[in-house]
Amino acid sequence: MISQLNAIAGLLSTWITYFAAFYCAALGCGVLVRRGFLPLHLSAVTGISAYAFAASCGHFHSFPAAVAVALSTSAVFSLFVGSIFSRVRAASAALASIAIQLIFEEHVRTASWTGGSQGLWQGIPAMSPFQRVVLAAVLLAICSQLYRLFGHTTAARRITADGLSGKFYQSVSVHSAVVPILVANLLVGLLGGCAGILLALQIGLVAPATFSLYFSILYVSVILLVGYANLASIAFGSFILGVLPEVLRFTGLGTVNRSAWQGLIVGALLLSFVVLQLPRWNLRTSAVLTRGKS
C-alpha cells in the first residue's frame, strides 16, 4: 500500500513539475510574442540555466547558490539575445533566434564542461516528490506575478506598440523600444531559467536532447494557441502540450513515446488554430492597424 502511494506521489510530482516548467517557459515566450517576435531560442535559455544549475550543484554543493548562478547565467544570456533583437525585426529576428538555438545545441553537444552528448548528472540533488511539488508551486507563483507585473509596465506597452504605424506609436507616448526589449529579455532569462532548473531536477540529467529546437517550438506553440494575455489560458496550453503527453503515455494508449504524443498534439492543435482562429486573428490585427493609421 505504501509503495503504491509513493508511486502515485511520484507520478503526480512528475506531471506537476513538467507543467510548471512548460508554464514558466511559455510565459517567457509570451513576453516576446507580444512584441511580434517568435523566440525560437527559448530552449537555449532553459538549457543554459539547467547546465549552469547542474555544474553549480557539483561545484558549490549548495542548492540556493546553484539556483542563483543558474538564474544569473540565463539572464545574462538572454540580455545578449536582447541586444540582437533590439536591432533586427520580424523574419530576421526569427532567423537570429534559430541561429542562436542551433549554435547552443552544437556547443553543448561538443563542449567538455557540458559532458558532451552524455550530459551532466553529477551533483544534481535528488529531491523527494513533495519537495519538487513545493518548489514548482513557489516558482509558478513567482513567475506568474512577474509576468503579471510586467504586463502593466511601460516597457510592455512600448514593446506592444513597437512595429505599428507611426501615429499609433505616438498615441501611446513611446519613443524607443531598445531599453524595453532588453528589460523584456531579462525577464525572459529569469522565466526560462526557472523552467531549466525544474527540468534538471525532474529529469536528473542535463543533456542536449532536452533543450533542442523542438522544445522551443513547443513553448512558442503554447502562446500561439492560447495567446499571451491570460494566465489561465497559458496554464491550459502548458497542460495540453507539457502534461497531456505524459498522461496519455501513462494511460497506455499504445506504446507511443512522449515526444511522439507531443508531436501529434502540437500538429493537430496548430492546424486547428490555423483553420479556426487565424481569420479572426487577421481581423483583429487589421482593426488595430487601422486605428493606428487613423
C-alpha atoms as a PDB file:
ATOM      1  CA  MET A   1       0.000   0.000   0.000  1.00  0.00           C
ATOM      2  CA  ILE A   2       2.772   2.434   0.925  1.00  0.00           C
ATOM      3  CA  SER A   3       4.677   1.625  -2.250  1.00  0.00           C
ATOM      4  CA  GLN A   4       1.568   2.342  -4.328  1.00  0.00           C
ATOM      5  CA  LEU A   5       1.071   5.676  -2.602  1.00  0.00           C
ATOM      6  CA  ASN A   6       4.718   6.554  -3.229  1.00  0.00           C
ATOM      7  CA  ALA A   7       4.306   5.648  -6.888  1.00  0.00           C
ATOM      8  CA  ILE A   8       1.223   7.857  -7.199  1.00  0.00           C
ATOM      9  CA  ALA A   9       3.004  10.726  -5.426  1.00  0.00           C
ATOM     10  CA  GLY A  10       5.968  10.380  -7.765  1.00  0.00           C
ATOM     11  CA  LEU A  11       3.698  10.352 -10.811  1.00  0.00           C
ATOM     12  CA  LEU A  12       1.789  13.444  -9.695  1.00  0.00           C
ATOM     13  CA  SER A  13       5.002  15.304  -8.885  1.00  0.00           C
ATOM     14  CA  THR A  14       6.308  14.461 -12.356  1.00  0.00           C
ATOM     15  CA  TRP A  15       3.212  15.885 -14.020  1.00  0.00           C
ATOM     16  CA  ILE A  16       3.230  18.992 -11.833  1.00  0.00           C
ATOM     17  CA  THR A  17       6.925  19.631 -12.472  1.00  0.00           C
ATOM     18  CA  TYR A  18       6.546  19.247 -16.241  1.00  0.00           C
ATOM     19  CA  PHE A  19       3.562  21.582 -16.136  1.00  0.00           C
ATOM     20  CA  ALA A  20       5.474  24.186 -14.131  1.00  0.00           C
ATOM     21  CA  ALA A  21       8.466  24.005 -16.488  1.00  0.00           C
ATOM     22  CA  PHE A  22       6.317  24.426 -19.597  1.00  0.00           C
ATOM     23  CA  TYR A  23       4.317  27.189 -17.957  1.00  0.00           C
ATOM     24  CA  CYS A  24       7.392  29.220 -16.980  1.00  0.00           C
ATOM     25  CA  ALA A  25       8.944  28.801 -20.432  1.00  0.00           C
ATOM     26  CA  ALA A  26       5.651  29.721 -22.113  1.00  0.00           C
ATOM     27  CA  LEU A  27       5.491  32.896 -20.034  1.00  0.00           C
ATOM     28  CA  GLY A  28       8.942  33.760 -21.342  1.00  0.00           C
ATOM     29  CA  CYS A  29       7.645  33.305 -24.884  1.00  0.00           C
ATOM     30  CA  GLY A  30       4.650  35.478 -24.108  1.00  0.00           C
ATOM     31  CA  VAL A  31       6.886  38.361 -23.098  1.00  0.00           C
ATOM     32  CA  LEU A  32       8.412  38.490 -26.588  1.00  0.00           C
ATOM     33  CA  VAL A  33       5.447  37.336 -28.659  1.00  0.00           C
ATOM     34  CA  ARG A  34       3.577  40.464 -27.548  1.00  0.00           C
ATOM     35  CA  ARG A  35       6.280  42.379 -29.432  1.00  0.00           C
ATOM     36  CA  GLY A  36       5.876  40.219 -32.550  1.00  0.00           C
ATOM     37  CA  PHE A  37       8.986  38.070 -32.050  1.00  0.00           C
ATOM     38  CA  LEU A  38       8.977  34.308 -32.422  1.00  0.00           C
ATOM     39  CA  PRO A  39      11.509  33.424 -29.695  1.00  0.00           C
ATOM     40  CA  LEU A  40      12.712  30.095 -31.063  1.00  0.00           C
ATOM     41  CA  HIS A  41      15.742  30.236 -28.792  1.00  0.00           C
ATOM     42  CA  LEU A  42      13.777  29.679 -25.559  1.00  0.00           C
ATOM     43  CA  SER A  43      15.052  26.135 -25.266  1.00  0.00           C
ATOM     44  CA  ALA A  44      18.597  27.518 -25.286  1.00  0.00           C
ATOM     45  CA  VAL A  45      17.679  29.865 -22.414  1.00  0.00           C
ATOM     46  CA  THR A  46      16.279  26.986 -20.364  1.00  0.00           C
ATOM     47  CA  GLY A  47      19.275  24.859 -21.316  1.00  0.00           C
ATOM     48  CA  ILE A  48      21.805  27.482 -20.229  1.00  0.00           C
ATOM     49  CA  SER A  49      20.077  27.642 -16.869  1.00  0.00           C
ATOM     50  CA  ALA A  50      19.934  23.853 -16.492  1.00  0.00           C
ATOM     51  CA  TYR A  51      23.605  23.374 -17.368  1.00  0.00           C
ATOM     52  CA  ALA A  52      24.655  26.197 -15.042  1.00  0.00           C
ATOM     53  CA  PHE A  53      22.496  24.708 -12.281  1.00  0.00           C
ATOM     54  CA  ALA A  54      23.943  21.211 -12.713  1.00  0.00           C
ATOM     55  CA  ALA A  55      27.528  22.469 -12.840  1.00  0.00           C
ATOM     56  CA  SER A  56      26.995  24.720  -9.816  1.00  0.00           C
ATOM     57  CA  CYS A  57      25.437  21.915  -7.774  1.00  0.00           C
ATOM     58  CA  GLY A  58      28.578  19.863  -8.286  1.00  0.00           C
ATOM     59  CA  HIS A  59      30.870  22.803  -7.539  1.00  0.00           C
ATOM     60  CA  PHE A  60      29.204  24.655  -4.662  1.00  0.00           C
ATOM     61  CA  HIS A  61      27.209  21.787  -3.111  1.00  0.00           C
ATOM     62  CA  SER A  62      24.625  24.430  -2.207  1.00  0.00           C
ATOM     63  CA  PHE A  63      21.134  24.485  -3.676  1.00  0.00           C
ATOM     64  CA  PRO A  64      20.494  28.261  -3.200  1.00  0.00           C
ATOM     65  CA  ALA A  65      23.873  29.107  -4.719  1.00  0.00           C
ATOM     66  CA  ALA A  66      23.214  26.831  -7.683  1.00  0.00           C
ATOM     67  CA  VAL A  67      19.812  28.444  -8.270  1.00  0.00           C
ATOM     68  CA  ALA A  68      21.347  31.938  -8.096  1.00  0.00           C
ATOM     69  CA  VAL A  69      24.076  31.022 -10.580  1.00  0.00           C
ATOM     70  CA  ALA A  70      21.581  29.381 -12.945  1.00  0.00           C
ATOM     71  CA  LEU A  71      19.208  32.345 -12.999  1.00  0.00           C
ATOM     72  CA  SER A  72      22.057  34.851 -13.342  1.00  0.00           C
ATOM     73  CA  THR A  73      23.555  32.924 -16.249  1.00  0.00           C
ATOM     74  CA  SER A  74      20.268  32.619 -18.118  1.00  0.00           C
ATOM     75  CA  ALA A  75      19.528  36.311 -17.518  1.00  0.00           C
ATOM     76  CA  VAL A  76      22.905  37.414 -18.909  1.00  0.00           C
ATOM     77  CA  PHE A  77      22.500  35.107 -21.906  1.00  0.00           C
ATOM     78  CA  SER A  78      19.021  36.461 -22.559  1.00  0.00           C
ATOM     79  CA  LEU A  79      20.303  40.042 -22.336  1.00  0.00           C
ATOM     80  CA  PHE A  80      22.833  39.184 -25.026  1.00  0.00           C
ATOM     81  CA  VAL A  81      19.986  37.915 -27.199  1.00  0.00           C
ATOM     82  CA  GLY A  82      18.051  41.089 -26.407  1.00  0.00           C
ATOM     83  CA  SER A  83      20.888  43.200 -27.740  1.00  0.00           C
ATOM     84  CA  ILE A  84      20.435  41.412 -31.069  1.00  0.00           C
ATOM     85  CA  PHE A  85      16.639  41.708 -31.023  1.00  0.00           C
ATOM     86  CA  SER A  86      16.927  45.442 -30.445  1.00  0.00           C
ATOM     87  CA  ARG A  87      18.436  45.756 -33.933  1.00  0.00           C
ATOM     88  CA  VAL A  88      16.518  43.210 -36.011  1.00  0.00           C
ATOM     89  CA  ARG A  89      12.813  42.711 -36.606  1.00  0.00           C
ATOM     90  CA  ALA A  90      10.273  40.217 -37.943  1.00  0.00           C
ATOM     91  CA  ALA A  91      11.739  37.393 -40.050  1.00  0.00           C
ATOM     92  CA  SER A  92      15.315  38.480 -39.333  1.00  0.00           C
ATOM     93  CA  ALA A  93      14.679  38.176 -35.610  1.00  0.00           C
ATOM     94  CA  ALA A  94      13.182  34.704 -36.042  1.00  0.00           C
ATOM     95  CA  LEU A  95      16.207  33.596 -38.070  1.00  0.00           C
ATOM     96  CA  ALA A  96      18.532  35.067 -35.457  1.00  0.00           C
ATOM     97  CA  SER A  97      16.762  33.169 -32.675  1.00  0.00           C
ATOM     98  CA  ILE A  98      17.008  29.908 -34.647  1.00  0.00           C
ATOM     99  CA  ALA A  99      20.715  30.529 -35.233  1.00  0.00           C
ATOM    100  CA  ILE A 100      21.275  31.124 -31.510  1.00  0.00           C
ATOM    101  CA  GLN A 101      19.414  27.913 -30.676  1.00  0.00           C
ATOM    102  CA  LEU A 102      21.407  25.834 -33.163  1.00  0.00           C
ATOM    103  CA  ILE A 103      24.739  27.302 -32.004  1.00  0.00           C
ATOM    104  CA  PHE A 104      23.791  26.455 -28.427  1.00  0.00           C
ATOM    105  CA  GLU A 105      22.892  22.880 -29.348  1.00  0.00           C
ATOM    106  CA  GLU A 106      26.170  22.334 -31.187  1.00  0.00           C
ATOM    107  CA  HIS A 107      28.207  23.853 -28.369  1.00  0.00           C
ATOM    108  CA  VAL A 108      26.691  21.779 -25.567  1.00  0.00           C
ATOM    109  CA  ARG A 109      26.962  18.644 -27.690  1.00  0.00           C
ATOM    110  CA  THR A 110      30.724  19.038 -28.114  1.00  0.00           C
ATOM    111  CA  ALA A 111      31.967  21.067 -25.120  1.00  0.00           C
ATOM    112  CA  SER A 112      33.760  19.283 -22.292  1.00  0.00           C
ATOM    113  CA  TRP A 113      32.197  21.298 -19.440  1.00  0.00           C
ATOM    114  CA  THR A 114      28.700  20.184 -20.516  1.00  0.00           C
ATOM    115  CA  GLY A 115      29.586  16.500 -20.618  1.00  0.00           C
ATOM    116  CA  GLY A 116      29.084  16.418 -24.372  1.00  0.00           C
ATOM    117  CA  SER A 117      26.306  14.198 -25.658  1.00  0.00           C
ATOM    118  CA  GLN A 118      26.272  12.303 -22.339  1.00  0.00           C
ATOM    119  CA  GLY A 119      25.239  15.407 -20.397  1.00  0.00           C
ATOM    120  CA  LEU A 120      25.634  16.278 -16.731  1.00  0.00           C
ATOM    121  CA  TRP A 121      24.105  14.438 -13.818  1.00  0.00           C
ATOM    122  CA  GLN A 122      26.674  14.524 -11.008  1.00  0.00           C
ATOM    123  CA  GLY A 123      25.650  16.801  -8.202  1.00  0.00           C
ATOM    124  CA  ILE A 124      22.023  17.347  -9.206  1.00  0.00           C
ATOM    125  CA  PRO A 125      20.110  16.848  -5.949  1.00  0.00           C
ATOM    126  CA  ALA A 126      17.596  14.014  -5.780  1.00  0.00           C
ATOM    127  CA  MET A 127      14.564  15.788  -4.373  1.00  0.00           C
ATOM    128  CA  SER A 128      11.550  13.964  -2.998  1.00  0.00           C
ATOM    129  CA  PRO A 129       8.207  14.279  -4.843  1.00  0.00           C
ATOM    130  CA  PHE A 130       6.907  16.608  -2.139  1.00  0.00           C
ATOM    131  CA  GLN A 131       9.970  18.861  -2.389  1.00  0.00           C
ATOM    132  CA  ARG A 132       9.630  19.070  -6.175  1.00  0.00           C
ATOM    133  CA  VAL A 133       5.955  19.989  -5.895  1.00  0.00           C
ATOM    134  CA  VAL A 134       6.679  22.697  -3.330  1.00  0.00           C
ATOM    135  CA  LEU A 135       9.467  24.148  -5.477  1.00  0.00           C
ATOM    136  CA  ALA A 136       7.267  24.019  -8.585  1.00  0.00           C
ATOM    137  CA  ALA A 137       4.456  25.807  -6.729  1.00  0.00           C
ATOM    138  CA  VAL A 138       6.801  28.526  -5.480  1.00  0.00           C
ATOM    139  CA  LEU A 139       8.282  29.135  -8.933  1.00  0.00           C
ATOM    140  CA  LEU A 140       4.815  29.105 -10.506  1.00  0.00           C
ATOM    141  CA  ALA A 141       3.664  31.823  -8.127  1.00  0.00           C
ATOM    142  CA  ILE A 142       6.795  33.944  -8.588  1.00  0.00           C
ATOM    143  CA  CYS A 143       6.816  33.669 -12.385  1.00  0.00           C
ATOM    144  CA  SER A 144       3.090  34.397 -12.650  1.00  0.00           C
ATOM    145  CA  GLN A 145       3.484  37.508 -10.539  1.00  0.00           C
ATOM    146  CA  LEU A 146       6.495  38.729 -12.526  1.00  0.00           C
ATOM    147  CA  TYR A 147       4.639  38.215 -15.798  1.00  0.00           C
ATOM    148  CA  ARG A 148       1.542  39.985 -14.490  1.00  0.00           C
ATOM    149  CA  LEU A 149       3.575  42.929 -13.212  1.00  0.00           C
ATOM    150  CA  PHE A 150       5.485  43.209 -16.482  1.00  0.00           C
ATOM    151  CA  GLY A 151       2.215  43.388 -18.407  1.00  0.00           C
ATOM    152  CA  HIS A 152       1.377  46.622 -16.583  1.00  0.00           C
ATOM    153  CA  THR A 153       4.735  48.313 -17.091  1.00  0.00           C
ATOM    154  CA  THR A 154       5.722  50.961 -19.599  1.00  0.00           C
ATOM    155  CA  ALA A 155       8.227  48.519 -21.075  1.00  0.00           C
ATOM    156  CA  ALA A 156       5.441  46.104 -22.010  1.00  0.00           C
ATOM    157  CA  ARG A 157       3.406  48.918 -23.546  1.00  0.00           C
ATOM    158  CA  ARG A 158       6.360  50.058 -25.626  1.00  0.00           C
ATOM    159  CA  ILE A 159       7.101  46.559 -26.829  1.00  0.00           C
ATOM    160  CA  THR A 160       3.463  46.035 -27.814  1.00  0.00           C
ATOM    161  CA  ALA A 161       3.394  49.291 -29.749  1.00  0.00           C
ATOM    162  CA  ASP A 162       6.747  48.858 -31.472  1.00  0.00           C
ATOM    163  CA  GLY A 163       6.390  47.937 -35.129  1.00  0.00           C
ATOM    164  CA  LEU A 164       2.948  49.509 -35.639  1.00  0.00           C
ATOM    165  CA  SER A 165       2.241  52.688 -37.568  1.00  0.00           C
ATOM    166  CA  GLY A 166       3.838  55.947 -36.592  1.00  0.00           C
ATOM    167  CA  LYS A 167       0.605  57.595 -35.412  1.00  0.00           C
ATOM    168  CA  PHE A 168      -0.295  54.635 -33.244  1.00  0.00           C
ATOM    169  CA  TYR A 169       3.234  54.563 -31.874  1.00  0.00           C
ATOM    170  CA  GLN A 170       2.963  58.210 -30.880  1.00  0.00           C
ATOM    171  CA  SER A 171      -0.533  57.772 -29.458  1.00  0.00           C
ATOM    172  CA  VAL A 172       0.784  55.602 -26.632  1.00  0.00           C
ATOM    173  CA  SER A 173       3.592  58.075 -25.877  1.00  0.00           C
ATOM    174  CA  VAL A 174       6.540  55.816 -26.582  1.00  0.00           C
ATOM    175  CA  HIS A 175       9.833  56.678 -28.189  1.00  0.00           C
ATOM    176  CA  SER A 176      12.427  53.888 -28.305  1.00  0.00           C
ATOM    177  CA  ALA A 177      11.866  50.174 -27.709  1.00  0.00           C
ATOM    178  CA  VAL A 178      15.548  49.301 -27.265  1.00  0.00           C
ATOM    179  CA  VAL A 179      15.597  49.511 -23.463  1.00  0.00           C
ATOM    180  CA  PRO A 180      12.182  47.813 -23.077  1.00  0.00           C
ATOM    181  CA  ILE A 181      13.368  44.935 -25.270  1.00  0.00           C
ATOM    182  CA  LEU A 182      16.400  44.493 -23.037  1.00  0.00           C
ATOM    183  CA  VAL A 183      14.170  44.595 -19.944  1.00  0.00           C
ATOM    184  CA  ALA A 184      11.848  42.055 -21.538  1.00  0.00           C
ATOM    185  CA  ASN A 185      14.728  39.731 -22.362  1.00  0.00           C
ATOM    186  CA  LEU A 186      15.995  39.995 -18.798  1.00  0.00           C
ATOM    187  CA  LEU A 187      12.587  38.757 -17.663  1.00  0.00           C
ATOM    188  CA  VAL A 188      12.689  36.041 -20.318  1.00  0.00           C
ATOM    189  CA  GLY A 189      16.010  34.897 -18.882  1.00  0.00           C
ATOM    190  CA  LEU A 190      14.553  34.629 -15.392  1.00  0.00           C
ATOM    191  CA  LEU A 191      11.413  32.806 -16.527  1.00  0.00           C
ATOM    192  CA  GLY A 192      13.310  30.434 -18.792  1.00  0.00           C
ATOM    193  CA  GLY A 193      15.886  29.941 -16.046  1.00  0.00           C
ATOM    194  CA  CYS A 194      13.184  28.721 -13.666  1.00  0.00           C
ATOM    195  CA  ALA A 195      11.994  26.267 -16.320  1.00  0.00           C
ATOM    196  CA  GLY A 196      15.535  24.954 -16.803  1.00  0.00           C
ATOM    197  CA  ILE A 197      16.010  24.357 -13.074  1.00  0.00           C
ATOM    198  CA  LEU A 198      12.732  22.433 -12.866  1.00  0.00           C
ATOM    199  CA  LEU A 199      13.631  20.269 -15.862  1.00  0.00           C
ATOM    200  CA  ALA A 200      17.073  19.499 -14.453  1.00  0.00           C
ATOM    201  CA  LEU A 201      15.585  18.430 -11.121  1.00  0.00           C
ATOM    202  CA  GLN A 202      12.832  16.374 -12.723  1.00  0.00           C
ATOM    203  CA  ILE A 203      14.953  14.501 -15.248  1.00  0.00           C
ATOM    204  CA  GLY A 204      18.095  14.299 -13.115  1.00  0.00           C
ATOM    205  CA  LEU A 205      20.151  14.709 -16.265  1.00  0.00           C
ATOM    206  CA  VAL A 206      21.022  17.742 -18.359  1.00  0.00           C
ATOM    207  CA  ALA A 207      21.588  16.598 -21.937  1.00  0.00           C
ATOM    208  CA  PRO A 208      21.384  18.293 -25.366  1.00  0.00           C
ATOM    209  CA  ALA A 209      18.270  16.364 -26.421  1.00  0.00           C
ATOM    210  CA  THR A 210      16.216  18.008 -23.671  1.00  0.00           C
ATOM    211  CA  PHE A 211      16.921  21.522 -24.953  1.00  0.00           C
ATOM    212  CA  SER A 212      16.575  21.236 -28.715  1.00  0.00           C
ATOM    213  CA  LEU A 213      14.809  23.495 -31.206  1.00  0.00           C
ATOM    214  CA  TYR A 214      11.838  21.132 -30.990  1.00  0.00           C
ATOM    215  CA  PHE A 215      11.124  22.256 -27.425  1.00  0.00           C
ATOM    216  CA  SER A 216      11.420  25.914 -28.414  1.00  0.00           C
ATOM    217  CA  ILE A 217       8.677  25.265 -30.958  1.00  0.00           C
ATOM    218  CA  LEU A 218       6.563  23.659 -28.230  1.00  0.00           C
ATOM    219  CA  TYR A 219       6.936  26.676 -25.935  1.00  0.00           C
ATOM    220  CA  VAL A 220       6.041  29.107 -28.716  1.00  0.00           C
ATOM    221  CA  SER A 221       3.116  26.883 -29.717  1.00  0.00           C
ATOM    222  CA  VAL A 222       1.559  27.361 -26.289  1.00  0.00           C
ATOM    223  CA  ILE A 223       1.370  31.128 -26.854  1.00  0.00           C
ATOM    224  CA  LEU A 224       0.265  30.810 -30.479  1.00  0.00           C
ATOM    225  CA  LEU A 225      -2.573  28.532 -29.415  1.00  0.00           C
ATOM    226  CA  VAL A 226      -3.913  30.429 -26.395  1.00  0.00           C
ATOM    227  CA  GLY A 227      -2.441  33.940 -26.586  1.00  0.00           C
ATOM    228  CA  TYR A 228      -0.288  35.805 -24.079  1.00  0.00           C
ATOM    229  CA  ALA A 229      -2.794  37.960 -22.195  1.00  0.00           C
ATOM    230  CA  ASN A 230      -4.488  35.417 -19.934  1.00  0.00           C
ATOM    231  CA  LEU A 231      -2.514  33.388 -17.400  1.00  0.00           C
ATOM    232  CA  ALA A 232      -5.262  30.779 -17.141  1.00  0.00           C
ATOM    233  CA  SER A 233      -5.117  30.214 -20.908  1.00  0.00           C
ATOM    234  CA  ILE A 234      -1.334  29.882 -20.791  1.00  0.00           C
ATOM    235  CA  ALA A 235      -1.708  27.367 -17.964  1.00  0.00           C
ATOM    236  CA  PHE A 236      -4.213  25.394 -20.045  1.00  0.00           C
ATOM    237  CA  GLY A 237      -1.908  25.376 -23.070  1.00  0.00           C
ATOM    238  CA  SER A 238       1.022  24.307 -20.898  1.00  0.00           C
ATOM    239  CA  PHE A 239      -1.034  21.398 -19.577  1.00  0.00           C
ATOM    240  CA  ILE A 240      -2.037  20.305 -23.073  1.00  0.00           C
ATOM    241  CA  LEU A 241       1.484  20.360 -24.504  1.00  0.00           C
ATOM    242  CA  GLY A 242       3.538  19.629 -21.401  1.00  0.00           C
ATOM    243  CA  VAL A 243       1.478  17.230 -19.302  1.00  0.00           C
ATOM    244  CA  LEU A 244      -1.115  15.590 -21.547  1.00  0.00           C
ATOM    245  CA  PRO A 245       1.505  13.571 -23.479  1.00  0.00           C
ATOM    246  CA  GLU A 246       2.713  12.126 -20.168  1.00  0.00           C
ATOM    247  CA  VAL A 247      -0.861  11.348 -19.116  1.00  0.00           C
ATOM    248  CA  LEU A 248      -1.582   9.612 -22.426  1.00  0.00           C
ATOM    249  CA  ARG A 249       1.587   7.573 -22.156  1.00  0.00           C
ATOM    250  CA  PHE A 250       0.701   6.558 -18.603  1.00  0.00           C
ATOM    251  CA  THR A 251      -2.830   5.501 -19.560  1.00  0.00           C
ATOM    252  CA  GLY A 252      -1.329   3.061 -22.056  1.00  0.00           C
ATOM    253  CA  LEU A 253      -2.850   4.430 -25.242  1.00  0.00           C
ATOM    254  CA  GLY A 254      -0.410   2.445 -27.294  1.00  0.00           C
ATOM    255  CA  THR A 255       3.336   2.286 -26.954  1.00  0.00           C
ATOM    256  CA  VAL A 256       3.860   5.732 -28.423  1.00  0.00           C
ATOM    257  CA  ASN A 257       6.508   7.676 -26.525  1.00  0.00           C
ATOM    258  CA  ARG A 258       6.150  11.130 -25.039  1.00  0.00           C
ATOM    259  CA  SER A 259       7.784  13.020 -27.913  1.00  0.00           C
ATOM    260  CA  ALA A 260       5.537  11.325 -30.463  1.00  0.00           C
ATOM    261  CA  TRP A 261       2.419  12.267 -28.495  1.00  0.00           C
ATOM    262  CA  GLN A 262       3.686  15.845 -28.244  1.00  0.00           C
ATOM    263  CA  GLY A 263       4.212  15.972 -31.998  1.00  0.00           C
ATOM    264  CA  LEU A 264       0.745  14.627 -32.709  1.00  0.00           C
ATOM    265  CA  ILE A 265      -0.937  17.004 -30.261  1.00  0.00           C
ATOM    266  CA  VAL A 266       1.011  20.067 -31.421  1.00  0.00           C
ATOM    267  CA  GLY A 267       0.393  19.296 -35.072  1.00  0.00           C
ATOM    268  CA  ALA A 268      -3.339  18.767 -34.619  1.00  0.00           C
ATOM    269  CA  LEU A 269      -3.809  21.847 -32.447  1.00  0.00           C
ATOM    270  CA  LEU A 270      -1.778  24.144 -34.685  1.00  0.00           C
ATOM    271  CA  LEU A 271      -3.745  23.012 -37.748  1.00  0.00           C
ATOM    272  CA  SER A 272      -6.951  23.676 -35.833  1.00  0.00           C
ATOM    273  CA  PHE A 273      -5.623  27.103 -34.870  1.00  0.00           C
ATOM    274  CA  VAL A 274      -4.852  27.955 -38.488  1.00  0.00           C
ATOM    275  CA  VAL A 275      -8.252  26.798 -39.711  1.00  0.00           C
ATOM    276  CA  LEU A 276     -10.446  28.195 -36.928  1.00  0.00           C
ATOM    277  CA  GLN A 277      -8.605  31.137 -35.338  1.00  0.00           C
ATOM    278  CA  LEU A 278      -6.420  32.731 -37.980  1.00  0.00           C
ATOM    279  CA  PRO A 279      -9.231  34.566 -39.855  1.00  0.00           C
ATOM    280  CA  ARG A 280     -10.402  36.211 -36.628  1.00  0.00           C
ATOM    281  CA  TRP A 281      -6.779  36.964 -35.679  1.00  0.00           C
ATOM    282  CA  ASN A 282      -6.265  38.738 -39.009  1.00  0.00           C
ATOM    283  CA  LEU A 283      -9.447  40.761 -38.481  1.00  0.00           C
ATOM    284  CA  ARG A 284      -8.336  41.875 -35.014  1.00  0.00           C
ATOM    285  CA  THR A 285      -4.857  42.769 -36.270  1.00  0.00           C
ATOM    286  CA  SER A 286      -6.273  44.729 -39.185  1.00  0.00           C
ATOM    287  CA  ALA A 287      -8.542  46.652 -36.826  1.00  0.00           C
ATOM    288  CA  VAL A 288      -5.603  47.611 -34.604  1.00  0.00           C
ATOM    289  CA  LEU A 289      -3.523  48.761 -37.571  1.00  0.00           C
ATOM    290  CA  THR A 290      -6.478  50.684 -38.998  1.00  0.00           C
ATOM    291  CA  ARG A 291      -6.947  52.531 -35.717  1.00  0.00           C
ATOM    292  CA  GLY A 292      -3.216  53.286 -35.679  1.00  0.00           C
ATOM    293  CA  LYS A 293      -3.374  54.864 -39.155  1.00  0.00           C
ATOM    294  CA  SER A 294      -6.454  56.948 -38.449  1.00  0.00           C
END
